[in-house]
């Protein structure tokens, strides 16, 4: 009986420690669509932070219009967590300067705090040759507002715009200017390489 109680306590302790961040290669069962919420612990196996950092777009209506400009004759696929973590590994390898709050090779200064300061929108693509790619759109977290906050007050009769966090789950965020608060990158998952990246300019 003591042995049984010990095992139960051990299991509960392990479960509470890992939570939704336990080691896995598939999306957690509580995930709801159409697009998949991504948490810090999904992109970093050693991080127990369950805060939402962005979305993987599996809603093809939201992605299909971009495909001709991103990768011709490609289709959207639902990635595994392995694919997601592969994309993040490529980003961290390609932009070590972001992690050090320094300038990148083109002279652009990324927001202090590096990659952790950006919300993501991912589209995982499969080319006509069967190779896997990932398009990642970045928005500064303080702008993305992924956490619930009180709605702003608007004049009576005027509908407020969608909170940015809701837009992040519906359509890709593209704005003019804004500097390095907005940028995007295309990754080759098979080769483990950054294909290109673009950073917004300043008005």
N, C-alpha and C. Protein backbone atom coordinates (compact mmCIF):
# COMPACT_ATOMS: atom_id res chain seq x y z
N UNK A 1 0.83 -1.20 0.00
CA UNK A 1 0.00 0.00 0.00
C UNK A 1 0.87 1.26 0.00
N UNK A 2 1.91 1.27 0.82
CA UNK A 2 2.82 2.41 0.88
C UNK A 2 3.50 2.61 -0.47
N UNK A 3 3.88 1.48 -1.09
CA UNK A 3 4.53 1.54 -2.40
C UNK A 3 3.58 2.15 -3.43
N UNK A 4 2.31 1.79 -3.39
CA UNK A 4 1.31 2.31 -4.32
C UNK A 4 1.14 3.82 -4.14
N UNK A 5 1.03 4.25 -2.89
CA UNK A 5 0.88 5.68 -2.60
C UNK A 5 2.10 6.46 -3.09
N UNK A 6 3.28 5.87 -2.87
CA UNK A 6 4.52 6.52 -3.31
C UNK A 6 4.50 6.73 -4.82
N UNK A 7 4.04 5.70 -5.56
CA UNK A 7 4.00 5.80 -7.03
C UNK A 7 3.01 6.87 -7.48
N UNK A 8 1.85 6.92 -6.84
CA UNK A 8 0.85 7.93 -7.20
C UNK A 8 1.38 9.33 -6.97
N UNK A 9 2.01 9.54 -5.81
CA UNK A 9 2.59 10.85 -5.49
C UNK A 9 3.67 11.23 -6.49
N UNK A 10 4.48 10.26 -6.88
CA UNK A 10 5.55 10.50 -7.84
C UNK A 10 4.98 10.90 -9.20
N UNK A 11 3.95 10.18 -9.63
CA UNK A 11 3.31 10.50 -10.92
C UNK A 11 2.71 11.90 -10.90
N UNK A 12 2.01 12.24 -9.80
CA UNK A 12 1.40 13.56 -9.69
C UNK A 12 2.46 14.65 -9.68
N UNK A 13 3.57 14.39 -9.03
CA UNK A 13 4.66 15.38 -8.97
C UNK A 13 5.24 15.61 -10.35
N UNK A 14 5.46 14.52 -11.08
CA UNK A 14 6.01 14.63 -12.44
C UNK A 14 5.04 15.37 -13.34
N UNK A 15 3.75 15.01 -13.24
CA UNK A 15 2.73 15.65 -14.07
C UNK A 15 2.64 17.14 -13.80
N UNK A 16 2.65 17.53 -12.51
CA UNK A 16 2.54 18.94 -12.18
C UNK A 16 3.78 19.71 -12.60
N UNK A 17 4.94 19.02 -12.64
CA UNK A 17 6.18 19.69 -13.04
C UNK A 17 6.18 19.97 -14.53
N UNK A 18 5.79 18.98 -15.32
CA UNK A 18 5.83 19.14 -16.77
C UNK A 18 4.58 19.81 -17.32
N UNK A 19 3.41 19.54 -16.72
CA UNK A 19 2.18 20.14 -17.22
C UNK A 19 1.98 19.83 -18.69
N UNK A 20 1.60 20.85 -19.46
CA UNK A 20 1.39 20.69 -20.90
C UNK A 20 2.71 20.65 -21.65
N UNK A 21 3.82 20.78 -20.94
CA UNK A 21 5.13 20.85 -21.58
C UNK A 21 5.85 19.50 -21.59
N UNK A 22 5.15 18.46 -21.25
CA UNK A 22 5.81 17.16 -21.20
C UNK A 22 6.32 16.78 -22.58
N UNK A 23 7.37 15.98 -22.62
CA UNK A 23 8.01 15.59 -23.87
C UNK A 23 7.03 14.83 -24.76
N UNK A 24 6.82 15.37 -25.95
CA UNK A 24 5.90 14.75 -26.90
C UNK A 24 6.24 15.22 -28.30
N UNK A 25 5.74 14.51 -29.29
CA UNK A 25 5.98 14.90 -30.68
C UNK A 25 4.65 15.17 -31.38
N UNK A 26 3.59 15.33 -30.60
CA UNK A 26 2.28 15.61 -31.19
C UNK A 26 1.60 16.73 -30.42
N UNK A 27 0.60 17.33 -31.02
CA UNK A 27 -0.08 18.44 -30.39
C UNK A 27 -0.92 17.94 -29.22
N UNK A 28 -1.00 18.72 -28.13
CA UNK A 28 -1.78 18.29 -26.96
C UNK A 28 -3.25 18.13 -27.33
N UNK A 29 -3.96 17.21 -26.67
CA UNK A 29 -5.35 16.92 -27.03
C UNK A 29 -6.29 18.09 -26.82
N UNK A 30 -5.92 19.05 -25.96
CA UNK A 30 -6.83 20.17 -25.72
C UNK A 30 -6.74 21.24 -26.80
N UNK A 31 -5.83 21.07 -27.76
CA UNK A 31 -5.67 22.04 -28.83
C UNK A 31 -6.97 22.16 -29.63
N UNK A 32 -7.38 23.39 -29.89
CA UNK A 32 -8.58 23.65 -30.66
C UNK A 32 -8.22 24.47 -31.89
N UNK A 33 -8.95 24.25 -32.99
CA UNK A 33 -8.66 24.91 -34.26
C UNK A 33 -9.43 26.18 -34.45
N UNK A 34 -9.35 26.74 -35.67
CA UNK A 34 -8.72 26.06 -36.80
C UNK A 34 -7.20 26.09 -36.76
N UNK A 35 -6.63 27.11 -36.10
CA UNK A 35 -5.18 27.21 -36.06
C UNK A 35 -4.65 26.82 -34.68
N UNK A 36 -3.45 26.26 -34.66
CA UNK A 36 -2.92 25.62 -33.47
C UNK A 36 -2.12 26.59 -32.60
N UNK A 37 -2.51 26.78 -31.34
CA UNK A 37 -1.75 27.68 -30.46
C UNK A 37 -0.38 27.09 -30.12
N UNK A 38 0.62 27.93 -30.15
CA UNK A 38 1.98 27.52 -29.85
C UNK A 38 2.40 28.18 -28.54
N UNK A 39 2.97 27.39 -27.64
CA UNK A 39 3.43 27.89 -26.36
C UNK A 39 4.96 27.85 -26.31
N UNK A 40 5.51 28.60 -25.36
CA UNK A 40 6.96 28.58 -25.20
C UNK A 40 7.47 27.15 -25.05
N UNK A 41 6.72 26.35 -24.30
CA UNK A 41 7.20 24.99 -24.03
C UNK A 41 7.13 24.11 -25.28
N UNK A 42 6.34 24.52 -26.30
CA UNK A 42 6.28 23.76 -27.54
C UNK A 42 7.54 23.96 -28.37
N UNK A 43 8.12 25.16 -28.29
CA UNK A 43 9.30 25.43 -29.10
C UNK A 43 10.60 25.17 -28.35
N UNK A 44 10.50 25.07 -27.03
CA UNK A 44 11.69 24.83 -26.22
C UNK A 44 11.37 23.75 -25.20
N UNK A 45 11.86 22.55 -25.44
CA UNK A 45 11.50 21.40 -24.59
C UNK A 45 11.88 21.61 -23.13
N UNK A 46 12.88 22.46 -22.88
CA UNK A 46 13.33 22.65 -21.51
C UNK A 46 12.63 23.78 -20.79
N UNK A 47 11.67 24.42 -21.46
CA UNK A 47 10.99 25.58 -20.89
C UNK A 47 9.59 25.18 -20.45
N UNK A 48 9.25 25.42 -19.19
CA UNK A 48 7.94 25.05 -18.67
C UNK A 48 6.90 26.15 -18.79
N UNK A 49 7.22 27.22 -19.52
CA UNK A 49 6.30 28.33 -19.69
C UNK A 49 5.21 27.95 -20.69
N UNK A 50 3.96 27.96 -20.25
CA UNK A 50 2.84 27.57 -21.10
C UNK A 50 2.17 28.76 -21.77
N UNK A 51 2.77 29.94 -21.68
CA UNK A 51 2.18 31.13 -22.30
C UNK A 51 2.14 30.96 -23.82
N UNK A 52 1.04 31.42 -24.43
CA UNK A 52 0.90 31.34 -25.89
C UNK A 52 1.86 32.33 -26.53
N UNK A 53 2.60 31.87 -27.53
CA UNK A 53 3.56 32.72 -28.23
C UNK A 53 3.15 32.93 -29.69
N UNK A 54 2.14 32.20 -30.17
CA UNK A 54 1.71 32.38 -31.54
C UNK A 54 0.83 31.24 -32.02
N UNK A 55 0.75 31.09 -33.36
CA UNK A 55 -0.14 30.08 -33.94
C UNK A 55 0.49 29.45 -35.17
N UNK A 56 0.26 28.14 -35.32
CA UNK A 56 0.56 27.44 -36.57
C UNK A 56 -0.72 27.46 -37.40
N UNK A 57 -0.64 28.01 -38.60
CA UNK A 57 -1.81 28.11 -39.45
C UNK A 57 -2.04 26.82 -40.23
N UNK A 58 -3.15 26.17 -39.93
CA UNK A 58 -3.57 24.99 -40.69
C UNK A 58 -4.85 25.30 -41.45
N UNK A 59 -5.39 26.49 -41.24
CA UNK A 59 -6.55 26.97 -41.97
C UNK A 59 -6.07 27.42 -43.35
N UNK A 60 -6.29 26.59 -44.35
CA UNK A 60 -5.71 26.87 -45.67
C UNK A 60 -6.28 28.13 -46.31
N UNK A 61 -7.50 28.52 -45.94
CA UNK A 61 -8.08 29.74 -46.50
C UNK A 61 -7.21 30.94 -46.12
N UNK A 62 -6.66 30.92 -44.91
CA UNK A 62 -5.84 32.01 -44.43
C UNK A 62 -4.45 32.01 -45.06
N UNK A 63 -4.03 30.88 -45.62
CA UNK A 63 -2.66 30.76 -46.13
C UNK A 63 -2.61 30.70 -47.64
N UNK A 64 -3.60 30.10 -48.28
CA UNK A 64 -3.52 29.82 -49.71
C UNK A 64 -3.23 31.03 -50.58
N UNK A 65 -3.79 32.18 -50.21
CA UNK A 65 -3.58 33.38 -51.03
C UNK A 65 -2.11 33.80 -51.07
N UNK A 66 -1.32 33.38 -50.06
CA UNK A 66 0.09 33.76 -49.99
C UNK A 66 1.00 32.80 -50.75
N UNK A 67 0.52 31.59 -51.00
CA UNK A 67 1.41 30.53 -51.50
C UNK A 67 2.16 30.89 -52.78
N UNK A 68 1.50 31.49 -53.79
CA UNK A 68 2.26 31.81 -55.00
C UNK A 68 3.46 32.72 -54.74
N UNK A 69 3.35 33.60 -53.73
CA UNK A 69 4.46 34.50 -53.42
C UNK A 69 5.50 33.86 -52.51
N UNK A 70 5.08 32.86 -51.75
CA UNK A 70 6.01 32.21 -50.82
C UNK A 70 6.74 31.05 -51.47
N UNK A 71 5.98 30.13 -52.04
CA UNK A 71 6.57 28.91 -52.61
C UNK A 71 5.59 28.36 -53.65
N UNK A 72 5.92 28.49 -54.90
CA UNK A 72 5.01 28.07 -55.97
C UNK A 72 4.72 26.58 -55.89
N UNK A 73 3.48 26.22 -56.21
CA UNK A 73 3.02 24.83 -56.24
C UNK A 73 3.26 24.12 -54.91
N UNK A 74 3.04 24.84 -53.83
CA UNK A 74 3.20 24.24 -52.50
C UNK A 74 1.84 24.05 -51.85
N UNK A 75 1.81 23.21 -50.82
CA UNK A 75 0.59 22.97 -50.07
C UNK A 75 0.89 23.12 -48.58
N UNK A 76 -0.13 23.46 -47.82
CA UNK A 76 0.02 23.62 -46.37
C UNK A 76 -0.12 22.25 -45.70
N UNK A 77 0.72 21.96 -44.72
CA UNK A 77 0.56 20.73 -43.96
C UNK A 77 0.61 21.02 -42.46
N UNK A 78 -0.01 20.14 -41.68
CA UNK A 78 0.00 20.29 -40.23
C UNK A 78 1.27 19.64 -39.69
N UNK A 79 2.14 20.43 -39.07
CA UNK A 79 3.43 19.90 -38.62
C UNK A 79 3.30 19.13 -37.31
N UNK A 80 4.30 18.33 -37.03
CA UNK A 80 4.44 17.75 -35.70
C UNK A 80 5.21 18.75 -34.85
N UNK A 81 5.28 18.51 -33.56
CA UNK A 81 6.08 19.38 -32.72
C UNK A 81 7.56 19.29 -33.09
N UNK A 82 7.96 18.15 -33.65
CA UNK A 82 9.34 18.02 -34.12
C UNK A 82 9.60 19.04 -35.23
N UNK A 83 8.66 19.18 -36.17
CA UNK A 83 8.82 20.15 -37.26
C UNK A 83 8.91 21.57 -36.69
N UNK A 84 8.06 21.86 -35.72
CA UNK A 84 8.04 23.18 -35.11
C UNK A 84 9.38 23.48 -34.43
N UNK A 85 9.88 22.52 -33.67
CA UNK A 85 11.15 22.73 -32.97
C UNK A 85 12.32 22.79 -33.95
N UNK A 86 12.21 22.09 -35.05
CA UNK A 86 13.22 22.15 -36.10
C UNK A 86 13.30 23.57 -36.66
N UNK A 87 12.13 24.17 -36.89
CA UNK A 87 12.10 25.54 -37.39
C UNK A 87 12.76 26.50 -36.41
N UNK A 88 12.47 26.33 -35.13
CA UNK A 88 13.05 27.22 -34.12
C UNK A 88 14.56 27.04 -34.00
N UNK A 89 15.02 25.81 -34.17
CA UNK A 89 16.47 25.57 -34.13
C UNK A 89 17.18 26.29 -35.27
N UNK A 90 16.55 26.27 -36.46
CA UNK A 90 17.12 26.96 -37.61
C UNK A 90 17.18 28.46 -37.35
N UNK A 91 16.12 29.01 -36.77
CA UNK A 91 16.08 30.44 -36.47
C UNK A 91 17.18 30.83 -35.49
N UNK A 92 17.35 30.04 -34.43
CA UNK A 92 18.35 30.37 -33.42
C UNK A 92 19.77 30.24 -33.98
N UNK A 93 19.95 29.31 -34.91
CA UNK A 93 21.26 29.16 -35.54
C UNK A 93 21.52 30.30 -36.52
N UNK A 94 20.49 30.71 -37.25
CA UNK A 94 20.66 31.75 -38.27
C UNK A 94 20.80 33.14 -37.67
N UNK A 95 20.19 33.34 -36.50
CA UNK A 95 20.20 34.67 -35.89
C UNK A 95 20.76 34.65 -34.48
N UNK A 96 22.00 34.21 -34.30
CA UNK A 96 22.55 34.21 -32.94
C UNK A 96 22.66 35.63 -32.39
N UNK A 97 22.75 36.60 -33.30
CA UNK A 97 22.86 37.99 -32.85
C UNK A 97 21.60 38.45 -32.16
N UNK A 98 20.44 37.86 -32.52
CA UNK A 98 19.19 38.24 -31.86
C UNK A 98 19.28 37.85 -30.39
N UNK A 99 19.84 36.68 -30.13
CA UNK A 99 19.92 36.20 -28.76
C UNK A 99 20.88 37.05 -27.93
N UNK A 100 21.78 37.76 -28.59
CA UNK A 100 22.77 38.58 -27.89
C UNK A 100 22.42 40.06 -27.95
N UNK A 101 21.22 40.38 -28.44
CA UNK A 101 20.78 41.78 -28.55
C UNK A 101 21.77 42.61 -29.37
N UNK A 102 22.23 42.05 -30.47
CA UNK A 102 23.20 42.75 -31.31
C UNK A 102 22.62 42.98 -32.70
N UNK A 103 23.43 43.58 -33.57
CA UNK A 103 22.99 43.81 -34.93
C UNK A 103 23.10 42.53 -35.76
N UNK A 104 22.19 42.37 -36.72
CA UNK A 104 22.33 41.23 -37.62
C UNK A 104 23.31 41.60 -38.74
N UNK A 105 23.56 40.68 -39.65
CA UNK A 105 24.59 40.91 -40.68
C UNK A 105 24.24 42.06 -41.62
N UNK A 106 22.95 42.43 -41.71
CA UNK A 106 22.53 43.52 -42.58
C UNK A 106 22.45 44.85 -41.84
N UNK A 107 22.85 44.86 -40.57
CA UNK A 107 22.87 46.10 -39.83
C UNK A 107 21.58 46.46 -39.15
N UNK A 108 20.62 45.56 -39.10
CA UNK A 108 19.35 45.83 -38.44
C UNK A 108 19.45 45.44 -36.97
N UNK A 109 18.92 46.28 -36.10
CA UNK A 109 18.91 45.97 -34.68
C UNK A 109 17.56 45.37 -34.31
N UNK A 110 17.57 44.15 -33.84
CA UNK A 110 16.35 43.50 -33.39
C UNK A 110 16.02 43.97 -31.98
N UNK A 111 14.75 43.87 -31.63
CA UNK A 111 14.30 44.34 -30.32
C UNK A 111 15.08 43.67 -29.20
N UNK A 112 15.40 44.44 -28.19
CA UNK A 112 16.17 43.91 -27.06
C UNK A 112 15.41 42.75 -26.43
N UNK A 113 16.10 41.66 -26.17
CA UNK A 113 15.46 40.46 -25.63
C UNK A 113 15.41 39.35 -26.66
N UNK A 114 15.61 39.70 -27.92
CA UNK A 114 15.75 38.70 -28.95
C UNK A 114 14.48 37.97 -29.33
N UNK A 115 14.64 36.73 -29.76
CA UNK A 115 13.53 35.93 -30.26
C UNK A 115 12.41 35.77 -29.26
N UNK A 116 12.74 35.74 -27.98
CA UNK A 116 11.71 35.56 -26.95
C UNK A 116 10.72 36.71 -26.90
N UNK A 117 11.06 37.83 -27.51
CA UNK A 117 10.18 39.00 -27.49
C UNK A 117 9.18 39.03 -28.64
N UNK A 118 9.19 38.00 -29.49
CA UNK A 118 8.35 38.02 -30.68
C UNK A 118 7.30 36.92 -30.66
N UNK A 119 6.06 37.31 -31.01
CA UNK A 119 5.01 36.33 -31.29
C UNK A 119 5.25 35.79 -32.69
N UNK A 120 4.80 34.56 -32.92
CA UNK A 120 5.01 33.92 -34.23
C UNK A 120 3.69 33.57 -34.90
N UNK A 121 3.71 33.59 -36.23
CA UNK A 121 2.67 33.00 -37.06
C UNK A 121 3.40 32.10 -38.06
N UNK A 122 3.11 30.81 -38.01
CA UNK A 122 3.82 29.84 -38.85
C UNK A 122 2.90 29.31 -39.95
N UNK A 123 3.49 29.08 -41.12
CA UNK A 123 2.83 28.30 -42.17
C UNK A 123 3.84 27.25 -42.61
N UNK A 124 3.50 25.98 -42.41
CA UNK A 124 4.39 24.89 -42.82
C UNK A 124 3.95 24.42 -44.20
N UNK A 125 4.92 24.41 -45.13
CA UNK A 125 4.62 24.15 -46.54
C UNK A 125 5.38 22.95 -47.06
N UNK A 126 4.75 22.24 -47.97
CA UNK A 126 5.40 21.13 -48.66
C UNK A 126 5.47 21.49 -50.13
N UNK A 127 6.68 21.49 -50.69
CA UNK A 127 6.87 21.84 -52.09
C UNK A 127 6.45 20.72 -53.01
N UNK A 128 6.40 21.01 -54.30
CA UNK A 128 6.01 19.99 -55.29
C UNK A 128 7.02 18.84 -55.32
N UNK A 129 8.24 19.09 -54.81
CA UNK A 129 9.27 18.06 -54.75
C UNK A 129 9.19 17.27 -53.44
N UNK A 130 8.21 17.58 -52.59
CA UNK A 130 8.03 16.85 -51.34
C UNK A 130 8.84 17.40 -50.18
N UNK A 131 9.66 18.41 -50.42
CA UNK A 131 10.48 18.98 -49.36
C UNK A 131 9.65 19.89 -48.46
N UNK A 132 10.10 20.00 -47.19
CA UNK A 132 9.36 20.78 -46.20
C UNK A 132 9.99 22.15 -45.98
N UNK A 133 9.12 23.14 -45.85
CA UNK A 133 9.55 24.50 -45.61
C UNK A 133 8.67 25.11 -44.51
N UNK A 134 9.15 26.20 -43.92
CA UNK A 134 8.35 26.92 -42.92
C UNK A 134 8.49 28.41 -43.16
N UNK A 135 7.35 29.08 -43.23
CA UNK A 135 7.32 30.54 -43.28
C UNK A 135 6.93 31.01 -41.89
N UNK A 136 7.71 31.94 -41.32
CA UNK A 136 7.44 32.43 -39.97
C UNK A 136 7.32 33.94 -40.01
N UNK A 137 6.19 34.43 -39.51
CA UNK A 137 5.92 35.86 -39.43
C UNK A 137 6.06 36.29 -37.97
N UNK A 138 6.82 37.35 -37.71
CA UNK A 138 7.11 37.78 -36.34
C UNK A 138 6.46 39.14 -36.04
N UNK A 139 5.86 39.22 -34.86
CA UNK A 139 5.28 40.47 -34.37
C UNK A 139 5.74 40.66 -32.93
N UNK A 140 6.22 41.85 -32.61
CA UNK A 140 6.68 42.11 -31.25
C UNK A 140 5.56 41.78 -30.26
N UNK A 141 5.87 41.01 -29.23
CA UNK A 141 4.85 40.52 -28.30
C UNK A 141 4.02 41.63 -27.67
N UNK A 142 4.63 42.73 -27.31
CA UNK A 142 3.87 43.79 -26.65
C UNK A 142 2.84 44.41 -27.59
N UNK A 143 3.05 44.24 -28.89
CA UNK A 143 2.06 44.69 -29.88
C UNK A 143 1.03 43.60 -30.11
N UNK A 144 1.50 42.34 -30.17
CA UNK A 144 0.60 41.22 -30.47
C UNK A 144 -0.47 41.04 -29.41
N UNK A 145 -0.14 41.31 -28.14
CA UNK A 145 -1.14 41.26 -27.07
C UNK A 145 -1.85 39.91 -27.05
N UNK A 146 -1.11 38.84 -26.83
CA UNK A 146 -1.72 37.50 -26.85
C UNK A 146 -2.42 37.16 -25.55
N UNK A 147 -2.17 37.92 -24.50
CA UNK A 147 -2.82 37.64 -23.23
C UNK A 147 -4.11 38.45 -23.12
N UNK A 148 -5.10 37.92 -22.37
CA UNK A 148 -6.36 38.63 -22.20
C UNK A 148 -6.16 39.90 -21.38
N UNK A 149 -6.70 41.00 -21.90
CA UNK A 149 -6.66 42.28 -21.21
C UNK A 149 -8.03 42.93 -21.34
N UNK A 150 -8.37 43.87 -20.44
CA UNK A 150 -9.66 44.55 -20.57
C UNK A 150 -9.81 45.23 -21.93
N UNK A 151 -10.99 45.12 -22.53
CA UNK A 151 -11.22 45.74 -23.83
C UNK A 151 -11.20 47.26 -23.69
N UNK A 152 -10.62 47.97 -24.67
CA UNK A 152 -10.62 49.44 -24.58
C UNK A 152 -12.02 49.99 -24.73
N UNK A 153 -12.25 51.17 -24.18
CA UNK A 153 -13.57 51.80 -24.25
C UNK A 153 -13.70 52.59 -25.55
N UNK A 154 -14.81 52.37 -26.26
CA UNK A 154 -15.07 53.09 -27.49
C UNK A 154 -16.39 53.85 -27.37
N UNK A 155 -16.54 54.87 -28.21
CA UNK A 155 -17.77 55.65 -28.23
C UNK A 155 -18.96 54.75 -28.50
N UNK A 156 -20.07 55.00 -27.86
CA UNK A 156 -21.26 54.17 -28.00
C UNK A 156 -21.68 54.09 -29.47
N UNK A 157 -21.95 52.86 -29.92
CA UNK A 157 -22.38 52.65 -31.30
C UNK A 157 -21.24 52.37 -32.25
N UNK A 158 -20.00 52.55 -31.80
CA UNK A 158 -18.85 52.27 -32.65
C UNK A 158 -18.25 50.94 -32.25
N UNK A 159 -18.18 50.01 -33.20
CA UNK A 159 -17.63 48.69 -32.90
C UNK A 159 -16.12 48.77 -32.79
N UNK A 160 -15.55 48.24 -31.72
CA UNK A 160 -14.08 48.25 -31.60
C UNK A 160 -13.47 47.25 -32.58
N UNK A 161 -12.23 47.49 -32.99
CA UNK A 161 -11.56 46.52 -33.86
C UNK A 161 -11.28 45.24 -33.08
N UNK A 162 -11.02 44.16 -33.80
CA UNK A 162 -10.65 42.90 -33.13
C UNK A 162 -9.38 43.11 -32.33
N UNK A 163 -9.31 42.56 -31.12
CA UNK A 163 -8.02 42.59 -30.40
C UNK A 163 -6.96 41.94 -31.26
N UNK A 164 -5.74 42.48 -31.20
CA UNK A 164 -4.67 41.98 -32.06
C UNK A 164 -4.46 40.49 -31.85
N UNK A 165 -4.67 40.02 -30.60
CA UNK A 165 -4.44 38.60 -30.33
C UNK A 165 -5.41 37.74 -31.13
N UNK A 166 -6.63 38.24 -31.38
CA UNK A 166 -7.60 37.48 -32.18
C UNK A 166 -7.21 37.52 -33.66
N UNK A 167 -6.71 38.66 -34.10
CA UNK A 167 -6.25 38.74 -35.48
C UNK A 167 -5.10 37.77 -35.73
N UNK A 168 -4.25 37.61 -34.71
CA UNK A 168 -3.10 36.71 -34.86
C UNK A 168 -3.53 35.29 -35.16
N UNK A 169 -4.72 34.90 -34.74
CA UNK A 169 -5.21 33.54 -34.94
C UNK A 169 -6.08 33.42 -36.18
N UNK A 170 -6.32 34.53 -36.88
CA UNK A 170 -7.23 34.51 -38.02
C UNK A 170 -6.50 34.75 -39.33
N UNK A 171 -5.62 35.74 -39.35
CA UNK A 171 -4.93 36.10 -40.59
C UNK A 171 -3.51 36.55 -40.29
N UNK A 172 -2.65 36.44 -41.29
CA UNK A 172 -1.27 36.87 -41.11
C UNK A 172 -1.20 38.39 -41.01
N UNK A 173 -0.40 38.86 -40.06
CA UNK A 173 -0.28 40.28 -39.80
C UNK A 173 0.80 40.87 -40.71
N UNK A 174 0.37 41.74 -41.61
CA UNK A 174 1.32 42.45 -42.46
C UNK A 174 1.01 43.95 -42.36
N UNK A 175 1.98 44.73 -41.94
CA UNK A 175 1.80 46.17 -41.81
C UNK A 175 2.94 46.87 -42.54
N UNK A 176 2.72 48.13 -42.85
CA UNK A 176 3.76 48.95 -43.46
C UNK A 176 4.63 49.54 -42.36
N UNK A 177 5.91 49.62 -42.62
CA UNK A 177 6.86 50.24 -41.68
C UNK A 177 6.86 49.49 -40.33
N UNK A 178 7.15 50.19 -39.26
CA UNK A 178 7.19 49.55 -37.94
C UNK A 178 8.55 49.03 -37.55
N UNK A 179 9.51 49.09 -38.48
CA UNK A 179 10.86 48.65 -38.14
C UNK A 179 10.91 47.18 -37.73
N UNK A 180 11.82 46.88 -36.81
CA UNK A 180 12.04 45.48 -36.45
C UNK A 180 11.01 44.93 -35.47
N UNK A 181 9.90 45.65 -35.29
CA UNK A 181 8.77 45.07 -34.55
C UNK A 181 8.05 44.05 -35.43
N UNK A 182 8.32 44.10 -36.74
CA UNK A 182 7.68 43.18 -37.69
C UNK A 182 8.75 42.64 -38.65
N UNK A 183 8.85 41.34 -38.73
CA UNK A 183 9.76 40.73 -39.71
C UNK A 183 9.31 39.31 -40.00
N UNK A 184 9.91 38.69 -41.01
CA UNK A 184 9.47 37.37 -41.46
C UNK A 184 10.65 36.61 -42.05
N UNK A 185 10.53 35.28 -42.07
CA UNK A 185 11.62 34.45 -42.58
C UNK A 185 11.07 33.19 -43.23
N UNK A 186 11.79 32.69 -44.23
CA UNK A 186 11.45 31.43 -44.88
C UNK A 186 12.57 30.44 -44.59
N UNK A 187 12.20 29.23 -44.14
CA UNK A 187 13.17 28.23 -43.72
C UNK A 187 13.04 26.96 -44.55
N UNK A 188 14.17 26.34 -44.84
CA UNK A 188 14.20 25.02 -45.47
C UNK A 188 14.40 23.99 -44.35
N UNK A 189 13.33 23.26 -44.01
CA UNK A 189 13.41 22.32 -42.89
C UNK A 189 14.30 21.13 -43.19
N UNK A 190 14.33 20.69 -44.44
CA UNK A 190 15.14 19.51 -44.79
C UNK A 190 16.63 19.81 -44.72
N UNK A 191 17.02 20.98 -45.22
CA UNK A 191 18.44 21.36 -45.20
C UNK A 191 18.84 22.03 -43.90
N UNK A 192 17.85 22.46 -43.13
CA UNK A 192 18.15 23.17 -41.89
C UNK A 192 18.74 24.53 -42.13
N UNK A 193 18.20 25.25 -43.13
CA UNK A 193 18.79 26.53 -43.53
C UNK A 193 17.74 27.63 -43.59
N UNK A 194 18.22 28.85 -43.36
CA UNK A 194 17.42 30.04 -43.60
C UNK A 194 17.52 30.39 -45.07
N UNK A 195 16.37 30.50 -45.77
CA UNK A 195 16.39 30.84 -47.19
C UNK A 195 16.40 32.35 -47.40
N UNK A 196 15.59 33.09 -46.66
CA UNK A 196 15.59 34.54 -46.71
C UNK A 196 14.85 35.11 -45.50
N UNK A 197 15.09 36.39 -45.26
CA UNK A 197 14.32 37.08 -44.22
C UNK A 197 14.14 38.54 -44.63
N UNK A 198 13.07 39.15 -44.16
CA UNK A 198 12.76 40.55 -44.45
C UNK A 198 12.38 41.26 -43.15
N UNK A 199 12.87 42.47 -42.98
CA UNK A 199 12.57 43.26 -41.80
C UNK A 199 11.90 44.55 -42.26
N UNK A 200 10.83 44.95 -41.61
CA UNK A 200 10.15 46.18 -42.00
C UNK A 200 11.05 47.39 -41.88
N UNK A 201 10.81 48.37 -42.74
CA UNK A 201 11.56 49.61 -42.66
C UNK A 201 10.86 50.60 -41.74
N UNK A 202 11.41 51.80 -41.65
CA UNK A 202 10.83 52.86 -40.84
C UNK A 202 10.20 53.90 -41.74
N UNK A 203 9.10 54.48 -41.30
CA UNK A 203 8.42 55.51 -42.08
C UNK A 203 9.28 56.77 -42.18
